[in-house]
Amino acid sequence: FGVWIIADRLGLSAVLCLVAFTITIARYAAVMVRPR
């Protein structure tokens, strides 16, 4: 929710901001997040 709100307040595309954020996070999730 925070990424969306900040992007929206800055007048940027909240959708593309959240998509870029999520896809980037997903690339490192295997080593960044514990399996459980």
All heavy atoms as atom14 arrays in JSON, in Angstrom:
{
  "sequence": "FGVWIIADRLGLSAVLCLVAFTITIARYAAVMVRPR",
  "atom14_mask": [
    [1, 1, 1, 1, 1, 1, 1, 1, 1, 1, 1, 0, 0, 0],
    [1, 1, 1, 1, 0, 0, 0, 0, 0, 0, 0, 0, 0, 0],
    [1, 1, 1, 1, 1, 1, 1, 0, 0, 0, 0, 0, 0, 0],
    [1, 1, 1, 1, 1, 1, 1, 1, 1, 1, 1, 1, 1, 1],
    [1, 1, 1, 1, 1, 1, 1, 1, 0, 0, 0, 0, 0, 0],
    [1, 1, 1, 1, 1, 1, 1, 1, 0, 0, 0, 0, 0, 0],
    [1, 1, 1, 1, 1, 0, 0, 0, 0, 0, 0, 0, 0, 0],
    [1, 1, 1, 1, 1, 1, 1, 1, 0, 0, 0, 0, 0, 0],
    [1, 1, 1, 1, 1, 1, 1, 1, 1, 1, 1, 0, 0, 0],
    [1, 1, 1, 1, 1, 1, 1, 1, 0, 0, 0, 0, 0, 0],
    [1, 1, 1, 1, 0, 0, 0, 0, 0, 0, 0, 0, 0, 0],
    [1, 1, 1, 1, 1, 1, 1, 1, 0, 0, 0, 0, 0, 0],
    [1, 1, 1, 1, 1, 1, 0, 0, 0, 0, 0, 0, 0, 0],
    [1, 1, 1, 1, 1, 0, 0, 0, 0, 0, 0, 0, 0, 0],
    [1, 1, 1, 1, 1, 1, 1, 0, 0, 0, 0, 0, 0, 0],
    [1, 1, 1, 1, 1, 1, 1, 1, 0, 0, 0, 0, 0, 0],
    [1, 1, 1, 1, 1, 1, 0, 0, 0, 0, 0, 0, 0, 0],
    [1, 1, 1, 1, 1, 1, 1, 1, 0, 0, 0, 0, 0, 0],
    [1, 1, 1, 1, 1, 1, 1, 0, 0, 0, 0, 0, 0, 0],
    [1, 1, 1, 1, 1, 0, 0, 0, 0, 0, 0, 0, 0, 0],
    [1, 1, 1, 1, 1, 1, 1, 1, 1, 1, 1, 0, 0, 0],
    [1, 1, 1, 1, 1, 1, 1, 0, 0, 0, 0, 0, 0, 0],
    [1, 1, 1, 1, 1, 1, 1, 1, 0, 0, 0, 0, 0, 0],
    [1, 1, 1, 1, 1, 1, 1, 0, 0, 0, 0, 0, 0, 0],
    [1, 1, 1, 1, 1, 1, 1, 1, 0, 0, 0, 0, 0, 0],
    [1, 1, 1, 1, 1, 0, 0, 0, 0, 0, 0, 0, 0, 0],
    [1, 1, 1, 1, 1, 1, 1, 1, 1, 1, 1, 0, 0, 0],
    [1, 1, 1, 1, 1, 1, 1, 1, 1, 1, 1, 1, 0, 0],
    [1, 1, 1, 1, 1, 0, 0, 0, 0, 0, 0, 0, 0, 0],
    [1, 1, 1, 1, 1, 0, 0, 0, 0, 0, 0, 0, 0, 0],
    [1, 1, 1, 1, 1, 1, 1, 0, 0, 0, 0, 0, 0, 0],
    [1, 1, 1, 1, 1, 1, 1, 1, 0, 0, 0, 0, 0, 0],
    [1, 1, 1, 1, 1, 1, 1, 0, 0, 0, 0, 0, 0, 0],
    [1, 1, 1, 1, 1, 1, 1, 1, 1, 1, 1, 0, 0, 0],
    [1, 1, 1, 1, 1, 1, 1, 0, 0, 0, 0, 0, 0, 0],
    [1, 1, 1, 1, 1, 1, 1, 1, 1, 1, 1, 0, 0, 0]
  ],
  "atom14_positions": [
    [[0.83, -1.21, 0.0], [0.0, 0.0, 0.0], [0.87, 1.27, 0.0], [0.52, 2.26, -0.64], [-0.92, 0.01, 1.22], [-1.93, -1.1, 1.21], [-2.01, -2.0, 2.25], [-2.82, -1.26, 0.15], [-2.94, -3.03, 2.25], [-3.75, -2.28, 0.14], [-3.81, -3.17, 1.19], [0.0, 0.0, 0.0], [0.0, 0.0, 0.0], [0.0, 0.0, 0.0]],
    [[2.0, 1.22, 0.73], [2.85, 2.4, 0.83], [3.47, 2.79, -0.49], [3.52, 3.98, -0.83], [0.0, 0.0, 0.0], [0.0, 0.0, 0.0], [0.0, 0.0, 0.0], [0.0, 0.0, 0.0], [0.0, 0.0, 0.0], [0.0, 0.0, 0.0], [0.0, 0.0, 0.0], [0.0, 0.0, 0.0], [0.0, 0.0, 0.0], [0.0, 0.0, 0.0]],
    [[3.96, 1.81, -1.25], [4.55, 2.1, -2.56], [3.51, 2.75, -3.47], [3.81, 3.73, -4.18], [5.12, 0.81, -3.19], [5.43, 1.0, -4.65], [6.37, 0.36, -2.44], [0.0, 0.0, 0.0], [0.0, 0.0, 0.0], [0.0, 0.0, 0.0], [0.0, 0.0, 0.0], [0.0, 0.0, 0.0], [0.0, 0.0, 0.0], [0.0, 0.0, 0.0]],
    [[2.3, 2.21, -3.48], [1.23, 2.77, -4.31], [0.96, 4.23, -3.92], [0.89, 5.12, -4.77], [-0.03, 1.94, -4.17], [-1.22, 2.49, -4.91], [-1.94, 3.62, -4.62], [-1.82, 1.94, -6.09], [-2.94, 3.81, -5.52], [-2.91, 2.8, -6.43], [-1.57, 0.82, -6.87], [-3.72, 2.55, -7.54], [-2.38, 0.57, -7.96], [-3.44, 1.43, -8.29]],
    [[0.77, 4.47, -2.61], [0.39, 5.8, -2.13], [1.48, 6.83, -2.44], [1.2, 7.94, -2.91], [0.09, 5.75, -0.62], [-1.18, 4.93, -0.37], [-0.05, 7.17, -0.05], [-1.45, 4.66, 1.09], [0.0, 0.0, 0.0], [0.0, 0.0, 0.0], [0.0, 0.0, 0.0], [0.0, 0.0, 0.0], [0.0, 0.0, 0.0], [0.0, 0.0, 0.0]],
    [[2.74, 6.47, -2.2], [3.83, 7.42, -2.46], [3.93, 7.76, -3.94], [4.06, 8.92, -4.33], [5.17, 6.85, -1.94], [5.14, 6.74, -0.41], [6.34, 7.71, -2.39], [6.34, 6.03, 0.18], [0.0, 0.0, 0.0], [0.0, 0.0, 0.0], [0.0, 0.0, 0.0], [0.0, 0.0, 0.0], [0.0, 0.0, 0.0], [0.0, 0.0, 0.0]],
    [[3.84, 6.73, -4.8], [3.9, 6.98, -6.24], [2.73, 7.86, -6.69], [2.9, 8.78, -7.5], [3.88, 5.65, -7.0], [0.0, 0.0, 0.0], [0.0, 0.0, 0.0], [0.0, 0.0, 0.0], [0.0, 0.0, 0.0], [0.0, 0.0, 0.0], [0.0, 0.0, 0.0], [0.0, 0.0, 0.0], [0.0, 0.0, 0.0], [0.0, 0.0, 0.0]],
    [[1.55, 7.59, -6.14], [0.38, 8.37, -6.5], [0.53, 9.83, -6.06], [0.18, 10.76, -6.79], [-0.87, 7.74, -5.88], [-2.14, 8.43, -6.32], [-2.41, 8.46, -7.53], [-2.88, 8.94, -5.44], [0.0, 0.0, 0.0], [0.0, 0.0, 0.0], [0.0, 0.0, 0.0], [0.0, 0.0, 0.0], [0.0, 0.0, 0.0], [0.0, 0.0, 0.0]],
    [[1.05, 10.04, -4.85], [1.23, 11.41, -4.35], [2.27, 12.17, -5.17], [2.2, 13.39, -5.29], [1.66, 11.37, -2.88], [0.59, 10.86, -1.94], [-0.59, 11.81, -1.84], [-1.65, 11.31, -1.01], [-1.72, 11.48, 0.3], [-0.74, 12.13, 0.93], [-2.75, 11.0, 0.98], [0.0, 0.0, 0.0], [0.0, 0.0, 0.0], [0.0, 0.0, 0.0]],
    [[3.22, 11.45, -5.74], [4.25, 12.09, -6.56], [3.8, 12.3, -8.01], [4.55, 12.84, -8.83], [5.54, 11.26, -6.55], [6.27, 11.16, -5.21], [7.46, 10.23, -5.32], [6.73, 12.55, -4.75], [0.0, 0.0, 0.0], [0.0, 0.0, 0.0], [0.0, 0.0, 0.0], [0.0, 0.0, 0.0], [0.0, 0.0, 0.0], [0.0, 0.0, 0.0]],
    [[2.59, 11.88, -8.32], [2.08, 12.03, -9.67], [2.61, 11.02, -10.66], [2.53, 11.23, -11.87], [0.0, 0.0, 0.0], [0.0, 0.0, 0.0], [0.0, 0.0, 0.0], [0.0, 0.0, 0.0], [0.0, 0.0, 0.0], [0.0, 0.0, 0.0], [0.0, 0.0, 0.0], [0.0, 0.0, 0.0], [0.0, 0.0, 0.0], [0.0, 0.0, 0.0]],
    [[3.15, 9.9, -10.16], [3.69, 8.85, -11.03], [2.68, 7.71, -11.16], [1.69, 7.66, -10.43], [5.01, 8.34, -10.46], [6.09, 9.39, -10.24], [7.31, 8.76, -9.58], [6.48, 10.06, -11.55], [0.0, 0.0, 0.0], [0.0, 0.0, 0.0], [0.0, 0.0, 0.0], [0.0, 0.0, 0.0], [0.0, 0.0, 0.0], [0.0, 0.0, 0.0]],
    [[2.94, 6.81, -12.08], [2.04, 5.67, -12.27], [2.2, 4.7, -11.11], [3.21, 4.01, -10.98], [2.36, 4.96, -13.59], [1.64, 3.74, -13.67], [0.0, 0.0, 0.0], [0.0, 0.0, 0.0], [0.0, 0.0, 0.0], [0.0, 0.0, 0.0], [0.0, 0.0, 0.0], [0.0, 0.0, 0.0], [0.0, 0.0, 0.0], [0.0, 0.0, 0.0]],
    [[1.18, 4.64, -10.25], [1.23, 3.75, -9.1], [1.25, 2.29, -9.53], [1.9, 1.46, -8.89], [0.03, 4.02, -8.18], [0.0, 0.0, 0.0], [0.0, 0.0, 0.0], [0.0, 0.0, 0.0], [0.0, 0.0, 0.0], [0.0, 0.0, 0.0], [0.0, 0.0, 0.0], [0.0, 0.0, 0.0], [0.0, 0.0, 0.0], [0.0, 0.0, 0.0]],
    [[0.55, 1.98, -10.61], [0.51, 0.59, -11.09], [1.89, 0.14, -11.55], [2.4, -0.9, -11.14], [-0.51, 0.44, -12.23], [-0.43, -0.95, -12.83], [-1.91, 0.71, -11.71], [0.0, 0.0, 0.0], [0.0, 0.0, 0.0], [0.0, 0.0, 0.0], [0.0, 0.0, 0.0], [0.0, 0.0, 0.0], [0.0, 0.0, 0.0], [0.0, 0.0, 0.0]],
    [[2.52, 0.92, -12.44], [3.84, 0.53, -12.94], [4.88, 0.54, -11.83], [5.8, -0.29, -11.83], [4.26, 1.47, -14.06], [3.51, 1.31, -15.38], [4.01, 2.3, -16.42], [3.65, -0.12, -15.92], [0.0, 0.0, 0.0], [0.0, 0.0, 0.0], [0.0, 0.0, 0.0], [0.0, 0.0, 0.0], [0.0, 0.0, 0.0], [0.0, 0.0, 0.0]],
    [[4.75, 1.45, -10.89], [5.66, 1.48, -9.75], [5.55, 0.18, -8.95], [6.57, -0.43, -8.59], [5.35, 2.68, -8.86], [6.44, 2.86, -7.43], [0.0, 0.0, 0.0], [0.0, 0.0, 0.0], [0.0, 0.0, 0.0], [0.0, 0.0, 0.0], [0.0, 0.0, 0.0], [0.0, 0.0, 0.0], [0.0, 0.0, 0.0], [0.0, 0.0, 0.0]],
    [[4.32, -0.26, -8.69], [4.1, -1.47, -7.92], [4.51, -2.72, -8.69], [5.07, -3.67, -8.12], [2.63, -1.56, -7.5], [2.29, -2.42, -6.3], [3.13, -2.04, -5.09], [0.8, -2.3, -5.97], [0.0, 0.0, 0.0], [0.0, 0.0, 0.0], [0.0, 0.0, 0.0], [0.0, 0.0, 0.0], [0.0, 0.0, 0.0], [0.0, 0.0, 0.0]],
    [[4.26, -2.73, -10.0], [4.68, -3.87, -10.83], [6.2, -3.98, -10.84], [6.77, -5.07, -10.65], [4.13, -3.72, -12.26], [4.79, -4.73, -13.19], [2.63, -3.91, -12.28], [0.0, 0.0, 0.0], [0.0, 0.0, 0.0], [0.0, 0.0, 0.0], [0.0, 0.0, 0.0], [0.0, 0.0, 0.0], [0.0, 0.0, 0.0], [0.0, 0.0, 0.0]],
    [[6.9, -2.86, -11.06], [8.37, -2.87, -11.06], [8.91, -3.28, -9.71], [9.87, -4.07, -9.61], [8.9, -1.49, -11.45], [0.0, 0.0, 0.0], [0.0, 0.0, 0.0], [0.0, 0.0, 0.0], [0.0, 0.0, 0.0], [0.0, 0.0, 0.0], [0.0, 0.0, 0.0], [0.0, 0.0, 0.0], [0.0, 0.0, 0.0], [0.0, 0.0, 0.0]],
    [[8.31, -2.77, -8.64], [8.73, -3.13, -7.29], [8.58, -4.63, -7.04], [9.51, -5.3, -6.57], [7.89, -2.34, -6.28], [8.06, -2.78, -4.85], [9.16, -2.36, -4.11], [7.14, -3.61, -4.25], [9.32, -2.76, -2.79], [7.28, -4.02, -2.94], [8.39, -3.59, -2.21], [0.0, 0.0, 0.0], [0.0, 0.0, 0.0], [0.0, 0.0, 0.0]],
    [[7.43, -5.18, -7.4], [7.14, -6.59, -7.12], [8.0, -7.53, -7.95], [8.54, -8.51, -7.44], [5.65, -6.88, -7.38], [4.85, -5.96, -6.63], [5.31, -8.3, -6.96], [0.0, 0.0, 0.0], [0.0, 0.0, 0.0], [0.0, 0.0, 0.0], [0.0, 0.0, 0.0], [0.0, 0.0, 0.0], [0.0, 0.0, 0.0], [0.0, 0.0, 0.0]],
    [[8.14, -7.24, -9.25], [8.95, -8.11, -10.11], [10.41, -8.09, -9.67], [11.09, -9.13, -9.68], [8.8, -7.67, -11.58], [7.39, -8.0, -12.08], [9.83, -8.36, -12.45], [7.14, -7.59, -13.52], [0.0, 0.0, 0.0], [0.0, 0.0, 0.0], [0.0, 0.0, 0.0], [0.0, 0.0, 0.0], [0.0, 0.0, 0.0], [0.0, 0.0, 0.0]],
    [[10.9, -6.92, -9.26], [12.29, -6.84, -8.78], [12.47, -7.62, -7.5], [13.46, -8.35, -7.33], [12.68, -5.37, -8.55], [12.46, -4.62, -9.75], [14.15, -5.25, -8.17], [0.0, 0.0, 0.0], [0.0, 0.0, 0.0], [0.0, 0.0, 0.0], [0.0, 0.0, 0.0], [0.0, 0.0, 0.0], [0.0, 0.0, 0.0], [0.0, 0.0, 0.0]],
    [[11.52, -7.51, -6.58], [11.59, -8.25, -5.33], [11.54, -9.76, -5.58], [12.27, -10.55, -4.95], [10.43, -7.84, -4.4], [10.66, -6.43, -3.86], [10.28, -8.81, -3.24], [11.91, -6.28, -3.03], [0.0, 0.0, 0.0], [0.0, 0.0, 0.0], [0.0, 0.0, 0.0], [0.0, 0.0, 0.0], [0.0, 0.0, 0.0], [0.0, 0.0, 0.0]],
    [[10.69, -10.18, -6.53], [10.53, -11.61, -6.82], [11.83, -12.24, -7.3], [12.08, -13.42, -7.07], [9.42, -11.81, -7.85], [0.0, 0.0, 0.0], [0.0, 0.0, 0.0], [0.0, 0.0, 0.0], [0.0, 0.0, 0.0], [0.0, 0.0, 0.0], [0.0, 0.0, 0.0], [0.0, 0.0, 0.0], [0.0, 0.0, 0.0], [0.0, 0.0, 0.0]],
    [[12.67, -11.46, -7.97], [13.94, -12.0, -8.49], [14.87, -12.41, -7.36], [15.7, -13.31, -7.53], [14.62, -10.96, -9.37], [13.87, -10.63, -10.64], [14.61, -9.58, -11.45], [15.94, -10.03, -11.85], [16.85, -9.25, -12.42], [16.57, -7.97, -12.63], [18.03, -9.73, -12.75], [0.0, 0.0, 0.0], [0.0, 0.0, 0.0], [0.0, 0.0, 0.0]],
    [[14.76, -11.75, -6.21], [15.67, -12.03, -5.09], [14.98, -12.77, -3.94], [15.58, -12.99, -2.9], [16.25, -10.72, -4.55], [16.92, -9.88, -5.6], [16.32, -8.73, -6.09], [18.17, -10.24, -6.12], [16.94, -7.95, -7.06], [18.79, -9.47, -7.08], [18.17, -8.33, -7.55], [18.78, -7.57, -8.52], [0.0, 0.0, 0.0], [0.0, 0.0, 0.0]],
    [[13.7, -13.13, -4.12], [12.94, -13.72, -3.02], [13.52, -15.05, -2.57], [13.45, -15.4, -1.38], [11.48, -13.9, -3.43], [0.0, 0.0, 0.0], [0.0, 0.0, 0.0], [0.0, 0.0, 0.0], [0.0, 0.0, 0.0], [0.0, 0.0, 0.0], [0.0, 0.0, 0.0], [0.0, 0.0, 0.0], [0.0, 0.0, 0.0], [0.0, 0.0, 0.0]],
    [[14.1, -15.82, -3.49], [14.61, -17.14, -3.15], [15.72, -17.08, -2.11], [15.85, -17.96, -1.26], [15.11, -17.87, -4.39], [0.0, 0.0, 0.0], [0.0, 0.0, 0.0], [0.0, 0.0, 0.0], [0.0, 0.0, 0.0], [0.0, 0.0, 0.0], [0.0, 0.0, 0.0], [0.0, 0.0, 0.0], [0.0, 0.0, 0.0], [0.0, 0.0, 0.0]],
    [[16.54, -16.02, -2.16], [17.65, -15.9, -1.21], [17.34, -14.89, -0.11], [18.05, -14.82, 0.89], [18.94, -15.48, -1.94], [19.37, -16.57, -2.91], [18.75, -14.16, -2.7], [0.0, 0.0, 0.0], [0.0, 0.0, 0.0], [0.0, 0.0, 0.0], [0.0, 0.0, 0.0], [0.0, 0.0, 0.0], [0.0, 0.0, 0.0], [0.0, 0.0, 0.0]],
    [[16.3, -14.1, -0.31], [16.0, -13.02, 0.62], [15.0, -13.44, 1.7], [15.01, -12.9, 2.81], [15.44, -11.83, -0.16], [15.34, -10.53, 0.6], [14.94, -9.16, -0.53], [13.39, -9.74, -1.23], [0.0, 0.0, 0.0], [0.0, 0.0, 0.0], [0.0, 0.0, 0.0], [0.0, 0.0, 0.0], [0.0, 0.0, 0.0], [0.0, 0.0, 0.0]],
    [[14.12, -14.41, 1.39], [13.04, -14.8, 2.28], [13.22, -16.25, 2.69], [13.54, -17.11, 1.86], [11.67, -14.62, 1.6], [10.54, -15.01, 2.54], [11.5, -13.17, 1.14], [0.0, 0.0, 0.0], [0.0, 0.0, 0.0], [0.0, 0.0, 0.0], [0.0, 0.0, 0.0], [0.0, 0.0, 0.0], [0.0, 0.0, 0.0], [0.0, 0.0, 0.0]],
    [[13.01, -16.53, 3.96], [13.12, -17.91, 4.44], [11.98, -18.76, 3.89], [10.87, -18.26, 3.69], [13.09, -17.93, 5.96], [14.29, -17.25, 6.61], [14.17, -17.25, 8.12], [15.28, -16.52, 8.74], [15.37, -16.31, 10.05], [14.41, -16.74, 10.86], [16.4, -15.64, 10.53], [0.0, 0.0, 0.0], [0.0, 0.0, 0.0], [0.0, 0.0, 0.0]],
    [[12.24, -20.07, 3.66], [11.2, -20.93, 3.07], [9.9, -20.93, 3.85], [8.81, -20.88, 3.26], [11.86, -22.31, 3.07], [13.33, -22.04, 3.05], [13.52, -20.78, 3.82], [0.0, 0.0, 0.0], [0.0, 0.0, 0.0], [0.0, 0.0, 0.0], [0.0, 0.0, 0.0], [0.0, 0.0, 0.0], [0.0, 0.0, 0.0], [0.0, 0.0, 0.0]],
    [[9.97, -20.99, 5.19], [8.75, -21.04, 5.98], [7.93, -19.78, 5.79], [6.7, -19.84, 5.64], [9.08, -21.22, 7.46], [7.85, -21.25, 8.35], [8.23, -21.44, 9.8], [8.89, -22.72, 9.99], [9.25, -23.18, 11.19], [9.03, -22.47, 12.27], [9.87, -24.35, 11.3], [0.0, 0.0, 0.0], [0.0, 0.0, 0.0], [0.0, 0.0, 0.0]]
  ]
}
